[in-house]
C-alpha cells in the first residue's frame, strides 16, 4: 500500500485498468444505492415504529435533503484534499451510518441516521471526478460513462434488492448487508487507487465562494447544468406521477409501477456508449442527439388517447426506455464537457451541475404532481415535453465543443 501511496495521479503514469474502473463503478453504485433502500420498506418501517403514513415519508425525504446538502457542502472538498482519503473517510462514515440506521432503536435516531446517510452517500460524487482525473483525455468520456453505468445500476437495483431482502430477513438486515458492501469496496479502493494531488489550497469558506465564481466564469458550465436540469424536470415529473396514473387509469398496483423502473436499464447501458461517442464526435453532438431523443420520447405519449389499453401501456414503456436512455446519455456528455473546463476544479464543477440537477428533480416532482392533478396525464406529458424541449434548445444554440 505504501507503493500505491507514492503513485502520482498523472494519467500517463497511472493508466486506468479494467479492474480499477470496475471498482470505481461498483463504489459509485453501492454509494448512491444507499439513498434508495428505504423506499420499498417504508410500510415495514412504519409498522416497526408505529409511525403514521405521512410521517414515514420523512425517511426518504431527509435522505434526499442530506444528499443535496452533501453535494453542495462536501463534494467541493475533492479539489482541496486527496480524493483517495476523502473516499476512505466518507465511505467509512457511510458504512457506519447505514449500521446506525439498521440498529436504530427510536424514530428520531432513524431520522437522523437517514439524513446522515444522504450526506455521506455523496462519496459517489467524489468517485466520478476521480475517474475523470485518472482517465486519459481521449478516453475520458468512455471511462466516465462506465462509472456512471455503475451508479445508474445502483439506483436501478437498490429498490429491488431492499424489497426482496426486507421481505425475507427484515428491513434492518438490508442496512447491515449494505454497510458491509460499502466498507469492503471502500477498503479495496483505498488499496488500489493512487494518491490525488490537491488542485487548490483554498480554505473551506473560499472554496464554497468559488462555486459562484466558477458559475459566472464558464458559460459552458451554465449551459450544461441548465440543460440537464431541464431534462431532470421532465424525468422527475414522469416518475413521480406514474404510479398514480397507472392506478387511476389502468387500475394497476405499485408492483407494476415499480417494474416500469426496469426501463432504467436502458439508461445504464447507454452511459458507456454515450461516453465513447462523445470521445469520437464530441460531447456537444451527443447532448443534441440525446436531448432530441428525450423530447421525441415524451411527445410520443400524446397519442395515448387514440390507442387501445394494451397499446397505451406499450407506448409508455417505449417512451420510458427512450427518454431514460437520452437523459443518461446527455448526463455523461455534459459531465465530459464540464470536466474539461478546469481540471483543478472538477469536484466543484461536478457539485454545481448536480446541485442544479437536484433542483430540477425537485421541481419536476412538484410540478408534475400539480399538472396531473389539474390537467390529468396530458398535462404531465405537456410539462415534460416542454421542459425537455427547452433543454434541447439550449444545446441547439450552443457552439460545437461548448
Protein backbone atom coordinates (compact mmCIF):
# COMPACT_ATOMS: atom_id res chain seq x y z
CA UNK A 1 0.00 0.00 0.00
CA UNK A 2 2.93 2.34 0.64
CA UNK A 3 3.96 1.97 -3.01
CA UNK A 4 0.48 2.90 -4.11
CA UNK A 5 0.56 5.95 -1.88
CA UNK A 6 3.59 7.24 -3.76
CA UNK A 7 1.98 6.88 -7.16
CA UNK A 8 1.11 10.10 -8.91
CA UNK A 9 -2.38 10.62 -10.18
CA UNK A 10 -0.95 11.60 -13.51
CA UNK A 11 -2.84 9.88 -16.30
CA UNK A 12 0.30 8.94 -18.15
CA UNK A 13 1.86 7.39 -15.04
CA UNK A 14 -1.28 5.64 -13.89
CA UNK A 15 -3.42 4.36 -16.76
CA UNK A 16 -6.74 3.01 -15.61
CA UNK A 17 -7.02 -0.74 -15.62
CA UNK A 18 -10.30 -2.55 -16.15
CA UNK A 19 -10.19 -3.70 -12.51
CA UNK A 20 -9.96 -0.16 -11.17
CA UNK A 21 -12.73 1.08 -13.46
CA UNK A 22 -14.95 -1.77 -12.26
CA UNK A 23 -14.22 -0.95 -8.61
CA UNK A 24 -14.95 2.74 -9.18
CA UNK A 25 -18.25 1.84 -10.85
CA UNK A 26 -19.11 -0.58 -8.04
CA UNK A 27 -18.25 2.02 -5.40
CA UNK A 28 -20.41 4.66 -7.08
CA UNK A 29 -23.30 2.21 -7.42
CA UNK A 30 -23.24 0.98 -3.82
CA UNK A 31 -22.91 4.52 -2.50
CA UNK A 32 -25.83 6.02 -4.38
CA UNK A 33 -27.96 2.92 -3.75
CA UNK A 34 -27.91 3.84 -0.06
CA UNK A 35 -30.26 6.72 -0.80
CA UNK A 36 -32.99 4.48 -2.20
CA UNK A 37 -33.01 1.40 0.04
CA UNK A 38 -35.71 2.79 2.33
CA UNK A 39 -38.34 3.46 -0.32
CA UNK A 40 -39.76 -0.07 -0.77
CA UNK A 41 -39.53 -0.71 3.00
CA UNK A 42 -41.49 2.28 4.29
CA UNK A 43 -44.52 0.19 5.17
CA UNK A 44 -42.46 -2.23 7.25
CA UNK A 45 -40.52 0.60 8.89
CA UNK A 46 -43.77 2.40 9.74
CA UNK A 47 -45.13 -0.69 11.49
CA UNK A 48 -41.89 -1.14 13.46
CA UNK A 49 -42.01 2.39 14.91
CA UNK A 50 -45.82 2.74 14.82
CA UNK A 51 -45.40 5.76 12.55
CA UNK A 52 -48.19 7.30 10.51
CA UNK A 53 -48.09 7.07 6.71
CA UNK A 54 -47.44 10.81 6.44
CA UNK A 55 -44.61 10.68 8.97
CA UNK A 56 -42.75 7.74 7.46
CA UNK A 57 -42.24 9.78 4.30
CA UNK A 58 -39.69 11.78 6.29
CA UNK A 59 -37.21 8.91 5.97
CA UNK A 60 -36.56 9.21 2.19
CA UNK A 61 -37.16 12.96 2.30
CA UNK A 62 -34.40 13.54 4.85
CA UNK A 63 -32.08 11.24 2.91
CA UNK A 64 -32.62 13.29 -0.25
CA UNK A 65 -32.13 16.54 1.67
CA UNK A 66 -28.90 15.15 3.10
CA UNK A 67 -27.70 14.19 -0.35
CA UNK A 68 -28.41 17.66 -1.72
CA UNK A 69 -26.57 19.30 1.17
CA UNK A 70 -23.69 16.86 0.76
CA UNK A 71 -23.30 17.68 -2.91
CA UNK A 72 -23.23 21.40 -2.22
CA UNK A 73 -21.18 21.44 1.00
CA UNK A 74 -18.93 18.35 0.85
CA UNK A 75 -18.32 17.49 -2.81
CA UNK A 76 -16.14 20.60 -3.40
CA UNK A 77 -13.63 19.22 -0.86
CA UNK A 78 -12.37 16.87 -3.57
CA UNK A 79 -10.42 19.77 -5.08
CA UNK A 80 -8.88 20.73 -1.72
CA UNK A 81 -7.85 17.33 -0.33
CA UNK A 82 -6.63 13.97 -1.59
CA UNK A 83 -9.68 12.29 -3.15
CA UNK A 84 -8.35 8.88 -2.10
CA UNK A 85 -8.53 9.90 1.55
CA UNK A 86 -11.94 11.53 1.07
CA UNK A 87 -13.29 8.31 -0.42
CA UNK A 88 -11.91 6.37 2.57
CA UNK A 89 -13.38 8.76 5.16
CA UNK A 90 -16.79 9.20 3.54
CA UNK A 91 -17.08 5.52 2.64
CA UNK A 92 -16.30 4.57 6.25
CA UNK A 93 -18.83 7.08 7.56
CA UNK A 94 -21.43 5.77 5.10
CA UNK A 95 -20.94 2.22 6.34
CA UNK A 96 -21.29 3.41 9.95
CA UNK A 97 -24.43 5.46 9.29
CA UNK A 98 -26.01 2.52 7.47
CA UNK A 99 -25.34 0.39 10.53
CA UNK A 100 -26.73 3.09 12.79
CA UNK A 101 -29.90 3.17 10.71
CA UNK A 102 -30.20 -0.62 10.83
CA UNK A 103 -29.82 -0.68 14.62
CA UNK A 104 -31.97 2.42 15.26
CA UNK A 105 -33.97 1.88 18.44
CA UNK A 106 -36.06 5.04 18.18
CA UNK A 107 -37.83 7.02 15.49
CA UNK A 108 -35.61 10.07 15.97
CA UNK A 109 -32.41 8.04 15.62
CA UNK A 110 -33.77 6.58 12.38
CA UNK A 111 -34.50 10.06 11.01
CA UNK A 112 -31.10 11.46 11.99
CA UNK A 113 -29.25 8.49 10.53
CA UNK A 114 -31.30 8.80 7.31
CA UNK A 115 -30.16 12.42 6.98
CA UNK A 116 -26.55 11.35 7.66
CA UNK A 117 -26.75 8.60 5.03
CA UNK A 118 -27.65 11.20 2.42
CA UNK A 119 -24.77 13.46 3.43
CA UNK A 120 -22.01 10.85 3.13
CA UNK A 121 -23.55 8.89 0.24
CA UNK A 122 -22.17 11.75 -1.84
CA UNK A 123 -18.92 9.78 -1.90
CA UNK A 124 -20.29 8.75 -5.31
CA UNK A 125 -19.69 12.37 -6.39
CA UNK A 126 -16.04 12.01 -5.32
CA UNK A 127 -15.59 8.75 -7.22
CA UNK A 128 -16.75 10.16 -10.57
CA UNK A 129 -14.28 13.10 -10.65
CA UNK A 130 -11.56 10.68 -9.52
CA UNK A 131 -12.27 8.52 -12.56
CA UNK A 132 -12.24 11.58 -14.82
CA UNK A 133 -8.88 12.67 -13.38
CA UNK A 134 -7.27 9.27 -13.86
CA UNK A 135 -8.62 8.77 -17.40
CA UNK A 136 -6.69 9.84 -20.46
CA UNK A 137 -8.34 12.73 -22.28
CA UNK A 138 -9.02 10.54 -25.32
CA UNK A 139 -10.96 8.03 -23.16
CA UNK A 140 -12.43 10.32 -20.51
CA UNK A 141 -15.96 10.18 -21.87
CA UNK A 142 -15.93 6.39 -22.06
CA UNK A 143 -14.48 5.98 -18.56
CA UNK A 144 -16.95 8.42 -17.00
CA UNK A 145 -19.72 6.58 -18.84
CA UNK A 146 -18.59 3.23 -17.43
CA UNK A 147 -18.51 4.57 -13.88
CA UNK A 148 -21.91 6.18 -14.43
CA UNK A 149 -23.19 2.76 -15.51
CA UNK A 150 -22.36 1.51 -12.01
CA UNK A 151 -24.07 4.50 -10.42
CA UNK A 152 -27.21 4.04 -12.54
CA UNK A 153 -27.26 0.31 -11.87
CA UNK A 154 -27.11 1.10 -8.14
CA UNK A 155 -30.19 3.29 -8.47
CA UNK A 156 -31.96 0.69 -10.59
CA UNK A 157 -31.25 -2.34 -8.41
CA UNK A 158 -31.37 -0.76 -4.94
CA UNK A 159 -35.16 -0.91 -4.63
CA UNK A 160 -35.31 -4.47 -5.95
CA UNK A 161 -32.61 -5.59 -3.50
CA UNK A 162 -34.09 -3.91 -0.43
CA UNK A 163 -37.61 -5.03 -1.21
CA UNK A 164 -36.65 -8.71 -1.52
CA UNK A 165 -34.21 -8.79 1.41
CA UNK A 166 -36.58 -6.90 3.72
CA UNK A 167 -39.38 -9.34 2.98
CA UNK A 168 -37.15 -12.36 3.62
CA UNK A 169 -34.98 -11.19 6.52
CA UNK A 170 -36.41 -7.89 7.77
CA UNK A 171 -35.62 -4.28 6.94
CA UNK A 172 -32.72 -3.98 9.40
CA UNK A 173 -30.77 -6.67 7.55
CA UNK A 174 -30.82 -4.52 4.39
CA UNK A 175 -28.77 -1.83 6.09
CA UNK A 176 -26.38 -4.39 7.60
CA UNK A 177 -25.65 -6.02 4.25
CA UNK A 178 -25.34 -2.62 2.58
CA UNK A 179 -22.88 -1.43 5.23
CA UNK A 180 -20.69 -4.49 4.72
CA UNK A 181 -20.67 -3.99 0.96
CA UNK A 182 -19.78 -0.30 1.18
CA UNK A 183 -16.98 -0.94 3.70
CA UNK A 184 -15.45 -3.73 1.61
CA UNK A 185 -15.43 -1.65 -1.58
CA UNK A 186 -14.10 1.39 0.30
CA UNK A 187 -11.14 -0.55 1.67
CA UNK A 188 -10.42 -2.02 -1.75
CA UNK A 189 -10.46 1.40 -3.40
CA UNK A 190 -8.13 2.70 -0.69
CA UNK A 191 -5.67 -0.04 -1.59
CA UNK A 192 -5.77 0.26 -5.39
CA UNK A 193 -6.20 3.99 -6.01
CA UNK A 194 -3.20 6.31 -6.18
CA UNK A 195 -2.93 9.48 -4.17
CA UNK A 196 -4.53 12.53 -5.78
CA UNK A 197 -2.63 15.77 -5.51
CA UNK A 198 -4.92 18.56 -4.25
CA UNK A 199 -5.67 21.02 -7.02
CA UNK A 200 -6.18 24.09 -4.82
CA UNK A 201 -5.10 25.48 -1.46
CA UNK A 202 -8.29 27.48 -0.88
CA UNK A 203 -9.72 27.30 2.62
CA UNK A 204 -13.21 25.91 3.01
CA UNK A 205 -15.13 29.25 3.04
CA UNK A 206 -13.23 30.41 -0.04
CA UNK A 207 -13.82 27.03 -1.66
CA UNK A 208 -17.58 27.47 -1.28
CA UNK A 209 -17.42 31.07 -2.53
CA UNK A 210 -15.54 29.86 -5.60
CA UNK A 211 -18.65 27.93 -6.68
CA UNK A 212 -20.31 31.20 -7.63
CA UNK A 213 -17.18 32.37 -9.42
CA UNK A 214 -17.00 29.17 -11.45
CA UNK A 215 -20.68 29.52 -12.37
CA UNK A 216 -20.07 33.04 -13.69
CA UNK A 217 -16.77 32.21 -15.38
CA UNK A 218 -17.81 29.25 -17.51
CA UNK A 219 -20.77 29.68 -19.83
CA UNK A 220 -20.36 26.04 -20.87
CA UNK A 221 -20.99 25.03 -17.25
CA UNK A 222 -24.15 27.13 -17.09
CA UNK A 223 -25.49 25.66 -20.32
CA UNK A 224 -24.65 22.10 -19.30
CA UNK A 225 -26.23 22.46 -15.85
CA UNK A 226 -29.36 24.25 -17.08
CA UNK A 227 -29.93 21.84 -19.96
CA UNK A 228 -29.50 18.79 -17.72
CA UNK A 229 -31.65 20.43 -15.05
CA UNK A 230 -34.49 20.91 -17.54
CA UNK A 231 -34.24 17.29 -18.65
CA UNK A 232 -34.34 16.33 -14.96
CA UNK A 233 -37.63 18.21 -14.54
CA UNK A 234 -39.14 16.04 -17.27
CA UNK A 235 -37.63 12.86 -15.83
CA UNK A 236 -38.84 13.51 -12.29
CA UNK A 237 -42.31 14.65 -13.38
CA UNK A 238 -42.87 11.30 -15.11
CA UNK A 239 -41.61 9.01 -12.35
CA UNK A 240 -43.29 10.95 -9.53
CA UNK A 241 -46.72 10.64 -11.18
CA UNK A 242 -46.54 7.28 -12.98
CA UNK A 243 -47.82 5.13 -10.10
CA UNK A 244 -50.82 7.42 -9.51
CA UNK A 245 -51.69 7.45 -13.21
CA UNK A 246 -51.40 3.67 -13.56
CA UNK A 247 -53.67 3.17 -10.56
CA UNK A 248 -56.30 5.65 -11.72
CA UNK A 249 -56.34 4.88 -15.43
CA UNK A 250 -55.40 1.20 -15.61
CA UNK A 251 -56.12 0.01 -12.02
CA UNK A 252 -52.57 -1.31 -11.69
CA UNK A 253 -50.73 -1.60 -8.37
CA UNK A 254 -47.39 -0.34 -7.12
CA UNK A 255 -45.62 -3.56 -8.11
CA UNK A 256 -46.36 -2.90 -11.77
CA UNK A 257 -45.30 0.73 -11.40
CA UNK A 258 -42.02 -0.45 -9.89
CA UNK A 259 -41.49 -2.85 -12.78
CA UNK A 260 -41.54 0.14 -15.15
CA UNK A 261 -38.34 1.21 -13.43
CA UNK A 262 -36.53 -1.59 -15.22
CA UNK A 263 -36.59 0.72 -18.22
CA UNK A 264 -33.71 2.40 -16.40
CA UNK A 265 -31.53 -0.48 -17.55
CA UNK A 266 -31.51 1.15 -20.96
CA UNK A 267 -30.00 4.28 -19.44
CA UNK A 268 -27.34 2.29 -17.62
CA UNK A 269 -26.35 0.55 -20.83
CA UNK A 270 -26.35 3.85 -22.73
CA UNK A 271 -23.84 5.57 -20.45
CA UNK A 272 -20.60 3.98 -21.74
CA UNK A 273 -21.86 4.11 -25.33
CA UNK A 274 -22.60 7.82 -24.95
CA UNK A 275 -19.15 8.35 -23.45
CA UNK A 276 -17.45 6.61 -26.36
CA UNK A 277 -19.48 8.62 -28.86
CA UNK A 278 -18.56 11.82 -27.01
CA UNK A 279 -14.88 10.90 -27.34
CA UNK A 280 -15.26 10.36 -31.11
CA UNK A 281 -17.79 13.01 -32.18
CA UNK A 282 -17.61 15.48 -29.32
CA UNK A 283 -19.87 15.77 -26.28
CA UNK A 284 -21.94 18.64 -27.71
CA UNK A 285 -23.05 16.38 -30.57
CA UNK A 286 -24.15 13.74 -28.06
CA UNK A 287 -26.13 16.26 -25.98
CA UNK A 288 -28.10 17.36 -29.07
CA UNK A 289 -28.96 13.82 -30.14
CA UNK A 290 -29.77 12.74 -26.58
CA UNK A 291 -31.95 15.77 -25.82
CA UNK A 292 -33.85 15.29 -29.08
CA UNK A 293 -34.50 11.66 -28.11
CA UNK A 294 -35.94 12.81 -24.78
CA UNK A 295 -38.30 15.27 -26.49
CA UNK A 296 -39.49 12.68 -29.02
CA UNK A 297 -39.99 10.04 -26.31
CA UNK A 298 -42.20 12.28 -24.19
CA UNK A 299 -44.10 13.67 -27.18
CA UNK A 300 -44.90 10.11 -28.25
CA UNK A 301 -47.23 9.82 -25.26
CA UNK A 302 -49.58 12.44 -26.74
CA UNK A 303 -51.00 9.61 -28.90
CA UNK A 304 -52.18 7.56 -25.89
CA UNK A 305 -55.86 8.61 -26.09
CA UNK A 306 -56.02 7.26 -29.64
CA UNK A 307 -54.85 3.75 -28.72
CA UNK A 308 -56.38 0.69 -27.01
CA UNK A 309 -55.22 -0.08 -23.46
CA UNK A 310 -52.52 -2.69 -24.30
CA UNK A 311 -51.02 -0.35 -26.91
CA UNK A 312 -51.07 2.55 -24.43
CA UNK A 313 -49.02 0.56 -21.92
CA UNK A 314 -46.59 -0.45 -24.67
CA UNK A 315 -46.12 3.18 -25.71
CA UNK A 316 -45.47 4.24 -22.10
CA UNK A 317 -42.80 1.54 -21.79
CA UNK A 318 -41.18 2.53 -25.10
CA UNK A 319 -41.26 6.20 -24.08
CA UNK A 320 -39.70 5.40 -20.69
CA UNK A 321 -36.87 3.47 -22.32
CA UNK A 322 -36.29 6.25 -24.85
CA UNK A 323 -36.22 9.23 -22.50
CA UNK A 324 -34.17 7.39 -19.87
CA UNK A 325 -31.58 6.48 -22.48
CA UNK A 326 -31.49 10.06 -23.72
CA UNK A 327 -31.26 11.65 -20.27
CA UNK A 328 -28.43 9.40 -19.11
CA UNK A 329 -26.52 9.84 -22.39
CA UNK A 330 -26.91 13.61 -22.04
CA UNK A 331 -25.70 13.47 -18.43
CA UNK A 332 -22.49 11.65 -19.38
CA UNK A 333 -21.84 14.08 -22.24
CA UNK A 334 -22.45 17.10 -20.02
CA UNK A 335 -20.04 15.71 -17.43
CA UNK A 336 -17.43 15.26 -20.16
CA UNK A 337 -17.90 18.93 -21.11
CA UNK A 338 -17.53 20.34 -17.59
CA UNK A 339 -14.62 18.11 -16.58
CA UNK A 340 -12.61 19.55 -19.48
CA UNK A 341 -13.18 23.17 -18.39
CA UNK A 342 -10.85 23.27 -15.39
CA UNK A 343 -9.08 20.11 -14.18
CA UNK A 344 -8.23 21.85 -10.90
CA UNK A 345 -11.94 22.35 -10.10
CA UNK A 346 -13.55 19.10 -11.21
CA UNK A 347 -15.17 18.36 -7.87
CA UNK A 348 -16.65 21.85 -7.63
CA UNK A 349 -17.84 21.79 -11.24
CA UNK A 350 -19.47 18.43 -10.58
CA UNK A 351 -21.09 19.79 -7.40
CA UNK A 352 -22.54 22.77 -9.25
CA UNK A 353 -24.04 20.70 -12.02
CA UNK A 354 -25.56 18.09 -9.74
CA UNK A 355 -27.00 20.79 -7.48
CA UNK A 356 -28.88 22.18 -10.49
CA UNK A 357 -29.90 18.65 -11.49
CA UNK A 358 -31.25 18.05 -7.98
CA UNK A 359 -33.23 21.29 -8.12
CA UNK A 360 -34.67 20.12 -11.44
CA UNK A 361 -35.65 16.79 -9.89
CA UNK A 362 -37.42 18.53 -7.01
CA UNK A 363 -39.22 20.93 -9.35
CA UNK A 364 -40.26 18.07 -11.60
CA UNK A 365 -41.83 16.17 -8.71
CA UNK A 366 -43.76 19.23 -7.51
CA UNK A 367 -44.84 20.50 -10.93
CA UNK A 368 -45.61 17.02 -12.25
CA UNK A 369 -47.96 16.26 -9.38
CA UNK A 370 -49.71 19.62 -9.83
CA UNK A 371 -50.03 19.12 -13.58
CA UNK A 372 -51.50 15.65 -13.11
CA UNK A 373 -53.96 16.91 -10.51
CA UNK A 374 -55.08 19.88 -12.62
CA UNK A 375 -54.87 18.67 -16.21
CA UNK A 376 -54.53 14.89 -15.97
CA UNK A 377 -51.86 12.82 -17.68
CA UNK A 378 -51.82 15.02 -20.84
CA UNK A 379 -50.84 17.91 -18.55
CA UNK A 380 -47.85 15.96 -17.21
CA UNK A 381 -46.84 14.97 -20.75
CA UNK A 382 -47.05 18.62 -21.84
CA UNK A 383 -44.89 19.71 -18.89
CA UNK A 384 -42.27 17.03 -19.52
CA UNK A 385 -42.15 17.61 -23.27
CA UNK A 386 -41.89 21.38 -22.80
CA UNK A 387 -39.08 21.12 -20.24
CA UNK A 388 -37.15 18.68 -22.44
CA UNK A 389 -37.67 20.94 -25.47
CA UNK A 390 -36.18 23.88 -23.57
CA UNK A 391 -33.17 21.71 -22.72
CA UNK A 392 -32.80 20.77 -26.39
CA UNK A 393 -32.97 24.43 -27.45
CA UNK A 394 -30.08 25.25 -25.12
CA UNK A 395 -27.97 22.57 -26.80
CA UNK A 396 -29.01 23.55 -30.34
CA UNK A 397 -27.93 27.15 -29.73
CA UNK A 398 -24.55 26.05 -28.35
CA UNK A 399 -21.42 26.18 -30.46
CA UNK A 400 -19.53 22.93 -31.02
CA UNK A 401 -17.38 21.86 -28.05
CA UNK A 402 -19.21 24.05 -25.51
